[in-house]
N, C-alpha and C. Protein backbone atom coordinates (compact mmCIF):
# COMPACT_ATOMS: atom_id res chain seq x y z
N MET A 1 21.62 10.86 -1.64
CA MET A 1 22.81 10.46 -2.36
C MET A 1 22.92 8.93 -2.32
N GLY A 2 23.33 8.39 -1.17
CA GLY A 2 23.33 6.94 -0.99
C GLY A 2 24.23 6.17 -1.93
N GLN A 3 25.41 6.70 -2.27
CA GLN A 3 26.33 5.97 -3.13
C GLN A 3 27.40 5.29 -2.27
N GLU A 4 27.85 4.12 -2.71
CA GLU A 4 28.93 3.44 -2.01
C GLU A 4 29.74 2.58 -2.96
N THR A 5 31.01 2.39 -2.60
CA THR A 5 31.89 1.57 -3.41
C THR A 5 33.11 1.17 -2.58
N ARG A 6 33.91 0.26 -3.10
CA ARG A 6 35.19 -0.10 -2.48
C ARG A 6 36.29 0.41 -3.38
N CYS A 7 37.33 0.97 -2.79
CA CYS A 7 38.42 1.51 -3.59
C CYS A 7 39.67 1.68 -2.73
N ARG A 8 40.77 2.06 -3.39
CA ARG A 8 42.01 2.38 -2.70
C ARG A 8 41.91 3.81 -2.20
N CYS A 9 42.19 4.01 -0.91
CA CYS A 9 42.05 5.32 -0.31
C CYS A 9 43.39 5.78 0.27
N ARG A 10 43.67 7.05 0.08
CA ARG A 10 44.86 7.65 0.69
C ARG A 10 44.44 8.90 1.45
N TRP A 11 44.74 8.93 2.73
CA TRP A 11 44.38 10.05 3.60
C TRP A 11 45.66 10.51 4.29
N GLY A 12 46.25 11.54 3.76
CA GLY A 12 47.55 11.97 4.29
C GLY A 12 48.57 10.88 4.11
N GLU A 13 49.16 10.40 5.21
CA GLU A 13 50.17 9.34 5.17
C GLU A 13 49.55 7.95 5.21
N GLU A 14 48.26 7.87 5.51
CA GLU A 14 47.60 6.56 5.60
C GLU A 14 47.08 6.13 4.22
N GLU A 15 47.14 4.82 3.97
CA GLU A 15 46.65 4.30 2.69
C GLU A 15 46.17 2.87 2.86
N GLY A 16 45.08 2.53 2.19
CA GLY A 16 44.57 1.17 2.28
C GLY A 16 43.28 1.01 1.49
N GLU A 17 42.68 -0.19 1.61
CA GLU A 17 41.41 -0.48 0.94
C GLU A 17 40.27 -0.04 1.85
N CYS A 18 39.31 0.70 1.27
CA CYS A 18 38.20 1.22 2.05
C CYS A 18 36.87 0.94 1.36
N LYS A 19 35.84 0.89 2.17
CA LYS A 19 34.48 1.00 1.67
C LYS A 19 34.11 2.47 1.86
N VAL A 20 33.74 3.14 0.77
CA VAL A 20 33.45 4.57 0.83
C VAL A 20 31.96 4.77 0.59
N LEU A 21 31.33 5.56 1.48
CA LEU A 21 29.90 5.85 1.38
C LEU A 21 29.70 7.35 1.28
N LEU A 22 28.90 7.75 0.32
CA LEU A 22 28.53 9.15 0.15
C LEU A 22 27.08 9.29 0.58
N GLU A 23 26.89 9.87 1.76
CA GLU A 23 25.55 10.06 2.32
C GLU A 23 25.20 11.54 2.28
N ALA A 24 23.96 11.86 2.64
CA ALA A 24 23.53 13.25 2.65
C ALA A 24 24.36 14.03 3.67
N GLY A 25 25.18 14.92 3.17
CA GLY A 25 25.95 15.79 4.05
C GLY A 25 27.26 15.25 4.56
N GLU A 26 27.61 14.00 4.26
CA GLU A 26 28.87 13.47 4.77
C GLU A 26 29.45 12.36 3.90
N LEU A 27 30.77 12.20 4.04
CA LEU A 27 31.52 11.14 3.36
C LEU A 27 32.08 10.23 4.44
N ILE A 28 31.87 8.92 4.29
CA ILE A 28 32.29 7.95 5.30
C ILE A 28 33.24 6.94 4.67
N LEU A 29 34.40 6.72 5.31
CA LEU A 29 35.37 5.72 4.90
C LEU A 29 35.41 4.64 5.96
N ARG A 30 35.20 3.41 5.55
CA ARG A 30 35.27 2.28 6.47
C ARG A 30 36.38 1.34 6.01
N GLY A 31 37.28 1.04 6.90
CA GLY A 31 38.44 0.21 6.56
C GLY A 31 39.68 0.91 7.05
N GLU A 32 40.72 0.90 6.23
CA GLU A 32 41.95 1.62 6.57
C GLU A 32 42.30 2.56 5.42
N PRO A 33 42.25 3.87 5.62
CA PRO A 33 41.88 4.59 6.84
C PRO A 33 40.38 4.59 7.09
N ARG A 34 40.02 4.93 8.31
CA ARG A 34 38.61 5.00 8.73
C ARG A 34 38.31 6.44 9.10
N ARG A 35 37.33 7.06 8.42
CA ARG A 35 37.03 8.47 8.66
C ARG A 35 35.55 8.75 8.40
N LYS A 36 35.08 9.84 8.99
CA LYS A 36 33.76 10.39 8.68
C LYS A 36 33.95 11.90 8.62
N VAL A 37 33.54 12.52 7.51
CA VAL A 37 33.76 13.96 7.35
C VAL A 37 32.54 14.61 6.71
N ALA A 38 32.19 15.78 7.22
CA ALA A 38 31.08 16.55 6.65
C ALA A 38 31.50 17.08 5.29
N LEU A 39 30.61 17.06 4.31
CA LEU A 39 30.94 17.54 2.97
C LEU A 39 31.34 19.01 3.00
N GLY A 40 30.81 19.75 3.96
CA GLY A 40 31.16 21.16 4.08
C GLY A 40 32.61 21.39 4.49
N ALA A 41 33.27 20.34 5.02
CA ALA A 41 34.67 20.46 5.45
C ALA A 41 35.65 20.11 4.34
N ILE A 42 35.12 19.72 3.18
CA ILE A 42 35.96 19.31 2.05
C ILE A 42 36.29 20.51 1.16
N ALA A 43 37.57 20.64 0.82
CA ALA A 43 38.03 21.75 -0.04
C ALA A 43 38.84 21.20 -1.21
N GLY A 44 38.94 22.01 -2.28
CA GLY A 44 39.78 21.65 -3.42
C GLY A 44 39.37 20.38 -4.14
N LEU A 45 38.08 20.13 -4.24
CA LEU A 45 37.58 18.91 -4.88
C LEU A 45 37.93 18.90 -6.36
N ALA A 46 38.58 17.82 -6.83
CA ALA A 46 38.99 17.73 -8.24
C ALA A 46 39.17 16.27 -8.64
N VAL A 47 38.98 16.01 -9.94
CA VAL A 47 39.25 14.69 -10.49
C VAL A 47 40.58 14.75 -11.21
N GLU A 48 41.51 13.89 -10.79
CA GLU A 48 42.83 13.83 -11.41
C GLU A 48 43.11 12.40 -11.80
N GLY A 49 43.14 12.15 -13.11
CA GLY A 49 43.34 10.78 -13.58
C GLY A 49 42.19 9.90 -13.16
N GLU A 50 42.53 8.83 -12.40
CA GLU A 50 41.52 7.89 -11.92
C GLU A 50 41.06 8.21 -10.50
N GLU A 51 41.55 9.32 -9.94
CA GLU A 51 41.30 9.61 -8.53
C GLU A 51 40.41 10.83 -8.32
N LEU A 52 39.65 10.75 -7.24
CA LEU A 52 38.93 11.92 -6.74
C LEU A 52 39.79 12.48 -5.61
N ARG A 53 40.22 13.74 -5.75
CA ARG A 53 41.13 14.33 -4.77
C ARG A 53 40.51 15.56 -4.11
N PHE A 54 40.87 15.75 -2.85
CA PHE A 54 40.40 16.91 -2.09
C PHE A 54 41.24 17.04 -0.82
N GLN A 55 40.98 18.11 -0.07
CA GLN A 55 41.67 18.32 1.21
C GLN A 55 40.64 18.43 2.33
N VAL A 56 41.04 17.92 3.49
CA VAL A 56 40.24 18.05 4.70
C VAL A 56 41.17 18.57 5.80
N GLY A 57 40.94 19.80 6.23
CA GLY A 57 41.80 20.39 7.24
C GLY A 57 43.26 20.46 6.82
N GLY A 58 43.49 20.68 5.52
CA GLY A 58 44.84 20.77 5.01
C GLY A 58 45.49 19.44 4.69
N VAL A 59 44.79 18.34 4.96
CA VAL A 59 45.32 16.99 4.67
C VAL A 59 44.84 16.56 3.29
N GLU A 60 45.78 16.05 2.47
CA GLU A 60 45.44 15.60 1.12
C GLU A 60 44.77 14.22 1.16
N VAL A 61 43.68 14.09 0.40
CA VAL A 61 42.94 12.84 0.34
C VAL A 61 42.76 12.45 -1.12
N ALA A 62 42.92 11.14 -1.42
CA ALA A 62 42.71 10.64 -2.78
C ALA A 62 41.93 9.34 -2.72
N LEU A 63 40.86 9.25 -3.51
CA LEU A 63 40.05 8.04 -3.61
C LEU A 63 40.16 7.49 -5.02
N GLY A 64 40.65 6.27 -5.15
CA GLY A 64 40.83 5.66 -6.47
C GLY A 64 39.54 5.07 -7.01
N LEU A 65 38.62 5.93 -7.39
CA LEU A 65 37.29 5.50 -7.83
C LEU A 65 37.23 5.11 -9.30
N GLY A 66 38.23 5.51 -10.08
CA GLY A 66 38.13 5.40 -11.53
C GLY A 66 37.55 6.70 -12.05
N ARG A 67 37.96 7.13 -13.24
CA ARG A 67 37.62 8.47 -13.70
C ARG A 67 36.11 8.71 -13.79
N GLU A 68 35.38 7.78 -14.36
CA GLU A 68 33.93 7.98 -14.54
C GLU A 68 33.22 8.14 -13.20
N ALA A 69 33.52 7.23 -12.26
CA ALA A 69 32.89 7.30 -10.94
C ALA A 69 33.35 8.53 -10.18
N ALA A 70 34.63 8.90 -10.32
CA ALA A 70 35.16 10.08 -9.63
C ALA A 70 34.42 11.35 -10.09
N GLU A 71 34.16 11.45 -11.39
CA GLU A 71 33.44 12.62 -11.89
C GLU A 71 31.99 12.65 -11.38
N ARG A 72 31.37 11.47 -11.32
CA ARG A 72 30.00 11.38 -10.82
C ARG A 72 29.93 11.75 -9.34
N TRP A 73 30.88 11.25 -8.55
CA TRP A 73 30.90 11.55 -7.13
C TRP A 73 31.19 13.03 -6.89
N ALA A 74 32.09 13.61 -7.69
CA ALA A 74 32.43 15.02 -7.53
C ALA A 74 31.19 15.90 -7.72
N LYS A 75 30.39 15.58 -8.74
CA LYS A 75 29.16 16.34 -8.99
C LYS A 75 28.18 16.19 -7.83
N ALA A 76 28.05 14.95 -7.32
CA ALA A 76 27.12 14.71 -6.22
C ALA A 76 27.55 15.42 -4.94
N MET A 77 28.85 15.54 -4.73
CA MET A 77 29.36 16.12 -3.49
C MET A 77 29.18 17.64 -3.44
N VAL A 78 29.07 18.29 -4.59
CA VAL A 78 28.88 19.74 -4.60
C VAL A 78 27.43 20.13 -4.84
N LYS A 79 26.60 19.15 -5.15
CA LYS A 79 25.18 19.42 -5.37
C LYS A 79 24.49 19.69 -4.04
N PRO A 80 23.70 20.76 -3.96
CA PRO A 80 23.00 21.03 -2.70
C PRO A 80 22.08 19.87 -2.33
N PRO A 81 22.03 19.49 -1.06
CA PRO A 81 21.16 18.39 -0.65
C PRO A 81 19.69 18.74 -0.87
N ALA A 82 18.91 17.72 -1.15
CA ALA A 82 17.47 17.94 -1.36
C ALA A 82 16.83 18.43 -0.07
N THR A 83 15.89 19.34 -0.20
CA THR A 83 15.17 19.83 0.97
C THR A 83 14.24 18.72 1.45
N LEU A 84 13.81 18.82 2.70
CA LEU A 84 12.87 17.83 3.24
C LEU A 84 11.56 17.87 2.47
N ALA A 85 11.12 19.06 2.07
CA ALA A 85 9.88 19.16 1.28
C ALA A 85 10.00 18.35 0.00
N LYS A 86 11.14 18.45 -0.67
CA LYS A 86 11.34 17.69 -1.91
C LYS A 86 11.37 16.20 -1.64
N LYS A 87 12.05 15.79 -0.55
CA LYS A 87 12.09 14.37 -0.20
C LYS A 87 10.69 13.82 0.04
N LEU A 88 9.84 14.62 0.66
CA LEU A 88 8.49 14.17 0.98
C LEU A 88 7.52 14.34 -0.18
N GLY A 89 7.96 15.03 -1.24
CA GLY A 89 7.09 15.25 -2.39
C GLY A 89 6.11 16.38 -2.18
N ILE A 90 6.48 17.35 -1.36
CA ILE A 90 5.62 18.50 -1.08
C ILE A 90 6.05 19.69 -1.92
N THR A 91 5.11 20.24 -2.68
CA THR A 91 5.35 21.43 -3.50
C THR A 91 4.29 22.47 -3.18
N GLY A 92 4.33 23.57 -3.89
CA GLY A 92 3.36 24.64 -3.68
C GLY A 92 1.95 24.29 -4.11
N THR A 93 1.77 23.13 -4.76
CA THR A 93 0.42 22.71 -5.17
C THR A 93 -0.07 21.48 -4.41
N THR A 94 0.71 21.03 -3.42
CA THR A 94 0.37 19.81 -2.68
C THR A 94 -0.58 20.10 -1.53
N ARG A 95 -1.64 19.31 -1.44
CA ARG A 95 -2.57 19.39 -0.32
C ARG A 95 -2.26 18.25 0.64
N VAL A 96 -1.86 18.60 1.85
CA VAL A 96 -1.39 17.61 2.82
C VAL A 96 -2.40 17.42 3.94
N GLY A 97 -2.71 16.17 4.22
CA GLY A 97 -3.51 15.83 5.39
C GLY A 97 -2.55 15.50 6.52
N LEU A 98 -2.71 16.12 7.66
CA LEU A 98 -1.78 15.96 8.78
C LEU A 98 -2.48 15.32 9.98
N ILE A 99 -1.89 14.22 10.47
CA ILE A 99 -2.40 13.56 11.67
C ILE A 99 -1.26 13.50 12.68
N GLY A 100 -1.52 14.00 13.87
CA GLY A 100 -0.49 14.04 14.90
C GLY A 100 0.03 15.46 15.08
N GLU A 101 0.89 15.63 16.07
CA GLU A 101 1.39 16.94 16.43
C GLU A 101 2.84 17.12 16.01
N VAL A 102 3.14 18.27 15.39
CA VAL A 102 4.50 18.62 15.02
C VAL A 102 5.12 19.40 16.17
N ASP A 103 6.14 18.84 16.76
CA ASP A 103 6.83 19.50 17.88
C ASP A 103 7.45 20.81 17.40
N ASP A 104 7.43 21.82 18.26
CA ASP A 104 8.00 23.12 17.89
C ASP A 104 9.47 23.03 17.54
N ALA A 105 10.16 22.02 18.09
CA ALA A 105 11.59 21.86 17.82
C ALA A 105 11.85 21.28 16.44
N GLU A 106 10.83 20.71 15.80
CA GLU A 106 11.01 20.08 14.49
C GLU A 106 10.92 21.12 13.38
N GLU A 107 11.91 21.99 13.32
CA GLU A 107 11.92 23.08 12.35
C GLU A 107 11.91 22.57 10.91
N GLU A 108 12.65 21.47 10.64
CA GLU A 108 12.72 20.94 9.27
C GLU A 108 11.33 20.52 8.78
N LEU A 109 10.60 19.80 9.63
CA LEU A 109 9.27 19.33 9.23
C LEU A 109 8.29 20.49 9.12
N LYS A 110 8.35 21.43 10.05
CA LYS A 110 7.48 22.61 9.97
C LYS A 110 7.74 23.38 8.68
N GLY A 111 9.01 23.50 8.30
CA GLY A 111 9.36 24.19 7.07
C GLY A 111 8.86 23.47 5.83
N ALA A 112 8.95 22.13 5.85
CA ALA A 112 8.48 21.35 4.70
C ALA A 112 6.97 21.49 4.54
N LEU A 113 6.24 21.42 5.63
CA LEU A 113 4.78 21.54 5.57
C LEU A 113 4.36 22.95 5.14
N ALA A 114 5.16 23.94 5.50
CA ALA A 114 4.85 25.33 5.14
C ALA A 114 4.90 25.55 3.63
N GLU A 115 5.59 24.65 2.90
CA GLU A 115 5.69 24.80 1.45
C GLU A 115 4.46 24.26 0.72
N ALA A 116 3.60 23.52 1.43
CA ALA A 116 2.41 22.95 0.81
C ALA A 116 1.38 24.03 0.49
N GLU A 117 0.53 23.76 -0.49
CA GLU A 117 -0.56 24.69 -0.79
C GLU A 117 -1.52 24.77 0.38
N LYS A 118 -1.77 23.61 1.00
CA LYS A 118 -2.72 23.55 2.09
C LYS A 118 -2.37 22.38 3.01
N VAL A 119 -2.45 22.61 4.32
CA VAL A 119 -2.29 21.54 5.31
C VAL A 119 -3.58 21.49 6.10
N THR A 120 -4.22 20.34 6.11
CA THR A 120 -5.51 20.20 6.78
C THR A 120 -5.47 19.06 7.78
N ARG A 121 -6.21 19.23 8.85
CA ARG A 121 -6.34 18.17 9.86
C ARG A 121 -7.41 17.16 9.46
N SER A 122 -8.22 17.52 8.47
CA SER A 122 -9.27 16.62 8.00
C SER A 122 -8.80 15.94 6.72
N VAL A 123 -8.58 14.63 6.79
CA VAL A 123 -8.14 13.90 5.60
C VAL A 123 -9.32 13.30 4.85
N ALA A 124 -10.53 13.64 5.30
CA ALA A 124 -11.73 13.13 4.62
C ALA A 124 -11.93 13.85 3.29
N GLY A 125 -11.36 15.07 3.18
CA GLY A 125 -11.50 15.82 1.93
C GLY A 125 -10.46 15.38 0.91
N VAL A 126 -10.22 16.24 -0.06
CA VAL A 126 -9.28 15.93 -1.12
C VAL A 126 -7.86 16.31 -0.67
N VAL A 127 -6.99 15.31 -0.55
CA VAL A 127 -5.59 15.55 -0.22
C VAL A 127 -4.72 14.76 -1.20
N ASP A 128 -3.48 15.22 -1.37
CA ASP A 128 -2.55 14.53 -2.27
C ASP A 128 -1.69 13.52 -1.53
N LEU A 129 -1.44 13.80 -0.26
CA LEU A 129 -0.70 12.85 0.58
C LEU A 129 -1.03 13.13 2.03
N VAL A 130 -0.75 12.15 2.87
CA VAL A 130 -1.01 12.26 4.31
C VAL A 130 0.30 12.08 5.07
N VAL A 131 0.52 12.93 6.06
CA VAL A 131 1.66 12.81 6.95
C VAL A 131 1.12 12.44 8.33
N VAL A 132 1.58 11.30 8.83
CA VAL A 132 1.13 10.79 10.12
C VAL A 132 2.31 10.80 11.08
N LEU A 133 2.20 11.54 12.18
CA LEU A 133 3.25 11.57 13.20
C LEU A 133 2.81 10.74 14.40
N VAL A 134 3.59 9.68 14.67
CA VAL A 134 3.23 8.77 15.76
C VAL A 134 4.47 8.35 16.53
N GLU A 135 4.25 7.89 17.76
CA GLU A 135 5.36 7.42 18.58
C GLU A 135 5.12 6.01 19.09
N GLU A 136 3.92 5.47 18.83
CA GLU A 136 3.62 4.10 19.27
C GLU A 136 2.70 3.43 18.25
N LEU A 137 2.70 2.10 18.27
CA LEU A 137 1.96 1.31 17.29
C LEU A 137 0.45 1.57 17.37
N ALA A 138 -0.07 1.68 18.58
CA ALA A 138 -1.52 1.91 18.74
C ALA A 138 -1.94 3.22 18.09
N ALA A 139 -1.10 4.24 18.19
CA ALA A 139 -1.42 5.53 17.58
C ALA A 139 -1.44 5.42 16.06
N LEU A 140 -0.53 4.63 15.50
CA LEU A 140 -0.52 4.42 14.05
C LEU A 140 -1.77 3.66 13.62
N ASP A 141 -2.16 2.68 14.40
CA ASP A 141 -3.36 1.91 14.10
C ASP A 141 -4.58 2.82 14.08
N ARG A 142 -4.68 3.72 15.06
CA ARG A 142 -5.81 4.66 15.11
C ARG A 142 -5.77 5.63 13.94
N ALA A 143 -4.59 6.09 13.60
CA ALA A 143 -4.45 7.05 12.50
C ALA A 143 -4.90 6.44 11.17
N LEU A 144 -4.62 5.17 10.98
CA LEU A 144 -5.00 4.51 9.73
C LEU A 144 -6.51 4.41 9.55
N GLN A 145 -7.22 4.45 10.65
CA GLN A 145 -8.68 4.38 10.56
C GLN A 145 -9.27 5.61 9.87
N VAL A 146 -8.53 6.74 9.91
CA VAL A 146 -9.00 7.95 9.24
C VAL A 146 -8.14 8.32 8.04
N ALA A 147 -6.92 7.76 7.97
CA ALA A 147 -6.01 8.14 6.88
C ALA A 147 -6.09 7.23 5.68
N ALA A 148 -6.75 6.10 5.82
CA ALA A 148 -6.78 5.13 4.72
C ALA A 148 -7.38 5.75 3.46
N GLY A 149 -6.78 5.43 2.33
CA GLY A 149 -7.24 5.94 1.05
C GLY A 149 -6.23 5.60 -0.03
N GLU A 150 -6.39 6.19 -1.19
CA GLU A 150 -5.50 5.91 -2.30
C GLU A 150 -4.26 6.81 -2.31
N HIS A 151 -4.25 7.83 -1.47
CA HIS A 151 -3.11 8.76 -1.43
C HIS A 151 -1.92 8.12 -0.72
N PRO A 152 -0.71 8.56 -1.02
CA PRO A 152 0.47 8.09 -0.29
C PRO A 152 0.40 8.53 1.17
N ILE A 153 0.98 7.73 2.05
CA ILE A 153 1.04 8.06 3.48
C ILE A 153 2.49 8.03 3.94
N TRP A 154 2.93 9.14 4.52
CA TRP A 154 4.24 9.20 5.17
C TRP A 154 4.02 8.94 6.65
N VAL A 155 4.64 7.89 7.18
CA VAL A 155 4.59 7.61 8.61
C VAL A 155 5.89 8.15 9.21
N VAL A 156 5.76 9.15 10.06
CA VAL A 156 6.90 9.81 10.69
C VAL A 156 6.97 9.38 12.14
N TYR A 157 8.14 8.88 12.56
CA TYR A 157 8.26 8.35 13.93
C TYR A 157 9.70 8.51 14.44
N PRO A 158 9.90 8.45 15.76
CA PRO A 158 11.25 8.62 16.31
C PRO A 158 12.16 7.47 15.91
N LYS A 159 13.45 7.80 15.71
CA LYS A 159 14.41 6.77 15.35
C LYS A 159 15.39 6.53 16.50
N GLY A 160 16.11 5.44 16.40
CA GLY A 160 17.13 5.15 17.40
C GLY A 160 16.65 4.17 18.46
N LYS A 161 17.59 3.79 19.32
CA LYS A 161 17.29 2.84 20.39
C LYS A 161 16.44 3.50 21.46
N GLY A 162 15.63 2.67 22.12
CA GLY A 162 14.82 3.17 23.21
C GLY A 162 13.49 3.76 22.79
N THR A 163 13.18 3.74 21.49
CA THR A 163 11.90 4.27 21.02
C THR A 163 10.84 3.17 21.11
N GLN A 164 9.58 3.57 21.20
CA GLN A 164 8.49 2.60 21.34
C GLN A 164 8.08 1.98 20.01
N LEU A 165 8.45 2.64 18.92
CA LEU A 165 7.99 2.20 17.60
C LEU A 165 9.19 2.03 16.67
N GLY A 166 9.36 0.83 16.13
CA GLY A 166 10.49 0.56 15.25
C GLY A 166 10.06 0.41 13.80
N GLU A 167 11.05 0.43 12.90
CA GLU A 167 10.78 0.32 11.47
C GLU A 167 10.05 -0.97 11.13
N GLY A 168 10.47 -2.07 11.74
CA GLY A 168 9.83 -3.36 11.46
C GLY A 168 8.36 -3.37 11.84
N GLN A 169 8.02 -2.76 12.96
CA GLN A 169 6.63 -2.69 13.40
C GLN A 169 5.79 -1.86 12.44
N VAL A 170 6.35 -0.73 12.00
CA VAL A 170 5.64 0.13 11.06
C VAL A 170 5.35 -0.62 9.77
N ARG A 171 6.37 -1.27 9.23
CA ARG A 171 6.19 -2.00 7.97
C ARG A 171 5.18 -3.13 8.12
N GLU A 172 5.28 -3.87 9.21
CA GLU A 172 4.37 -5.01 9.41
C GLU A 172 2.92 -4.56 9.46
N LEU A 173 2.64 -3.49 10.21
CA LEU A 173 1.28 -3.00 10.32
C LEU A 173 0.77 -2.46 8.98
N MET A 174 1.59 -1.65 8.32
CA MET A 174 1.15 -1.05 7.06
C MET A 174 0.97 -2.10 5.97
N ARG A 175 1.87 -3.06 5.89
CA ARG A 175 1.73 -4.11 4.88
C ARG A 175 0.51 -4.96 5.15
N GLY A 176 0.21 -5.17 6.43
CA GLY A 176 -0.99 -5.92 6.80
C GLY A 176 -2.27 -5.21 6.42
N ARG A 177 -2.19 -3.89 6.23
CA ARG A 177 -3.35 -3.10 5.81
C ARG A 177 -3.37 -2.84 4.30
N GLY A 178 -2.51 -3.53 3.58
CA GLY A 178 -2.55 -3.41 2.12
C GLY A 178 -1.66 -2.35 1.52
N TYR A 179 -0.67 -1.88 2.28
CA TYR A 179 0.25 -0.86 1.79
C TYR A 179 1.64 -1.45 1.57
N MET A 180 2.39 -0.82 0.66
CA MET A 180 3.79 -1.18 0.45
C MET A 180 4.66 0.05 0.66
N ASP A 181 5.79 -0.14 1.34
CA ASP A 181 6.70 0.98 1.55
C ASP A 181 7.50 1.22 0.28
N THR A 182 7.62 2.49 -0.11
CA THR A 182 8.27 2.83 -1.37
C THR A 182 9.46 3.78 -1.21
N LYS A 183 9.58 4.39 -0.03
CA LYS A 183 10.68 5.35 0.14
C LYS A 183 10.93 5.59 1.62
N VAL A 184 12.17 5.94 1.94
CA VAL A 184 12.52 6.32 3.31
C VAL A 184 13.15 7.71 3.28
N ALA A 185 12.95 8.49 4.34
CA ALA A 185 13.53 9.83 4.39
C ALA A 185 13.89 10.17 5.83
N SER A 186 15.06 10.74 6.01
CA SER A 186 15.44 11.26 7.32
C SER A 186 14.77 12.62 7.48
N VAL A 187 14.01 12.79 8.55
CA VAL A 187 13.27 14.03 8.76
C VAL A 187 14.09 15.01 9.58
N SER A 188 14.73 14.51 10.64
CA SER A 188 15.53 15.34 11.52
C SER A 188 16.46 14.44 12.31
N ALA A 189 17.19 15.00 13.25
CA ALA A 189 18.07 14.20 14.09
C ALA A 189 17.26 13.21 14.92
N ARG A 190 15.99 13.54 15.18
CA ARG A 190 15.15 12.70 16.02
C ARG A 190 14.16 11.83 15.26
N LEU A 191 13.73 12.27 14.08
CA LEU A 191 12.66 11.60 13.37
C LEU A 191 13.10 11.01 12.03
N THR A 192 12.46 9.91 11.66
CA THR A 192 12.63 9.32 10.34
C THR A 192 11.24 9.08 9.77
N ALA A 193 11.16 8.73 8.47
CA ALA A 193 9.84 8.54 7.85
C ALA A 193 9.89 7.46 6.79
N LEU A 194 8.79 6.74 6.66
CA LEU A 194 8.60 5.75 5.61
C LEU A 194 7.36 6.15 4.80
N ARG A 195 7.48 6.05 3.48
CA ARG A 195 6.36 6.39 2.59
C ARG A 195 5.69 5.09 2.14
N PHE A 196 4.38 5.08 2.20
CA PHE A 196 3.60 3.90 1.80
C PHE A 196 2.57 4.29 0.74
N THR A 197 2.33 3.36 -0.18
CA THR A 197 1.26 3.53 -1.16
C THR A 197 0.41 2.25 -1.14
N ARG A 198 -0.84 2.40 -1.54
CA ARG A 198 -1.76 1.27 -1.55
C ARG A 198 -1.25 0.22 -2.54
N ARG A 199 -1.22 -1.03 -2.11
CA ARG A 199 -0.78 -2.12 -2.98
C ARG A 199 -1.79 -2.34 -4.09
N ALA A 200 -1.30 -2.46 -5.32
CA ALA A 200 -2.20 -2.67 -6.47
C ALA A 200 -2.91 -4.00 -6.35
N GLY A 201 -4.16 -4.02 -6.73
CA GLY A 201 -4.92 -5.26 -6.75
C GLY A 201 -5.41 -5.62 -5.37
């Protein structure tokens, strides 16, 4: 989703100027009022005049987005979120090269890979994309020695503080090897991913 705007917000008795963000699975208000709510907790979604209106736990909420934006946001809020397979570009005809180990707890990633036509540990053959799971820079460096090619590469790594591998390190190494990052995807509560393609020329 990734939509954001500034508007007049009314949440029950509270009212003020907010920055409103529509993310996958949640609506975030920053300012006055300040709230974070799961889209599944929203009821009675409707566009009335220039406002997007709904209820959260019986409390009336109104966002002054303007009619056109309110209608667009309303559609986005009821649209089912994209599956991880779709985010990664995996379909029933995709051949995936896999480097690294998928933890048994990573149900989302296991489910996405299960939708592929074929998942192989050998990326020397014909694959449509490569998924590399790493937790440190040296492991990514080693993976690139066998994963390099013209296919897109998803680098999947732990997110948050205290991890050994950060987004900046991933981008620096991949760009140094002739790749450009083209997309980001949240994989799970623990993992995130960056997609890279070979730089033209």
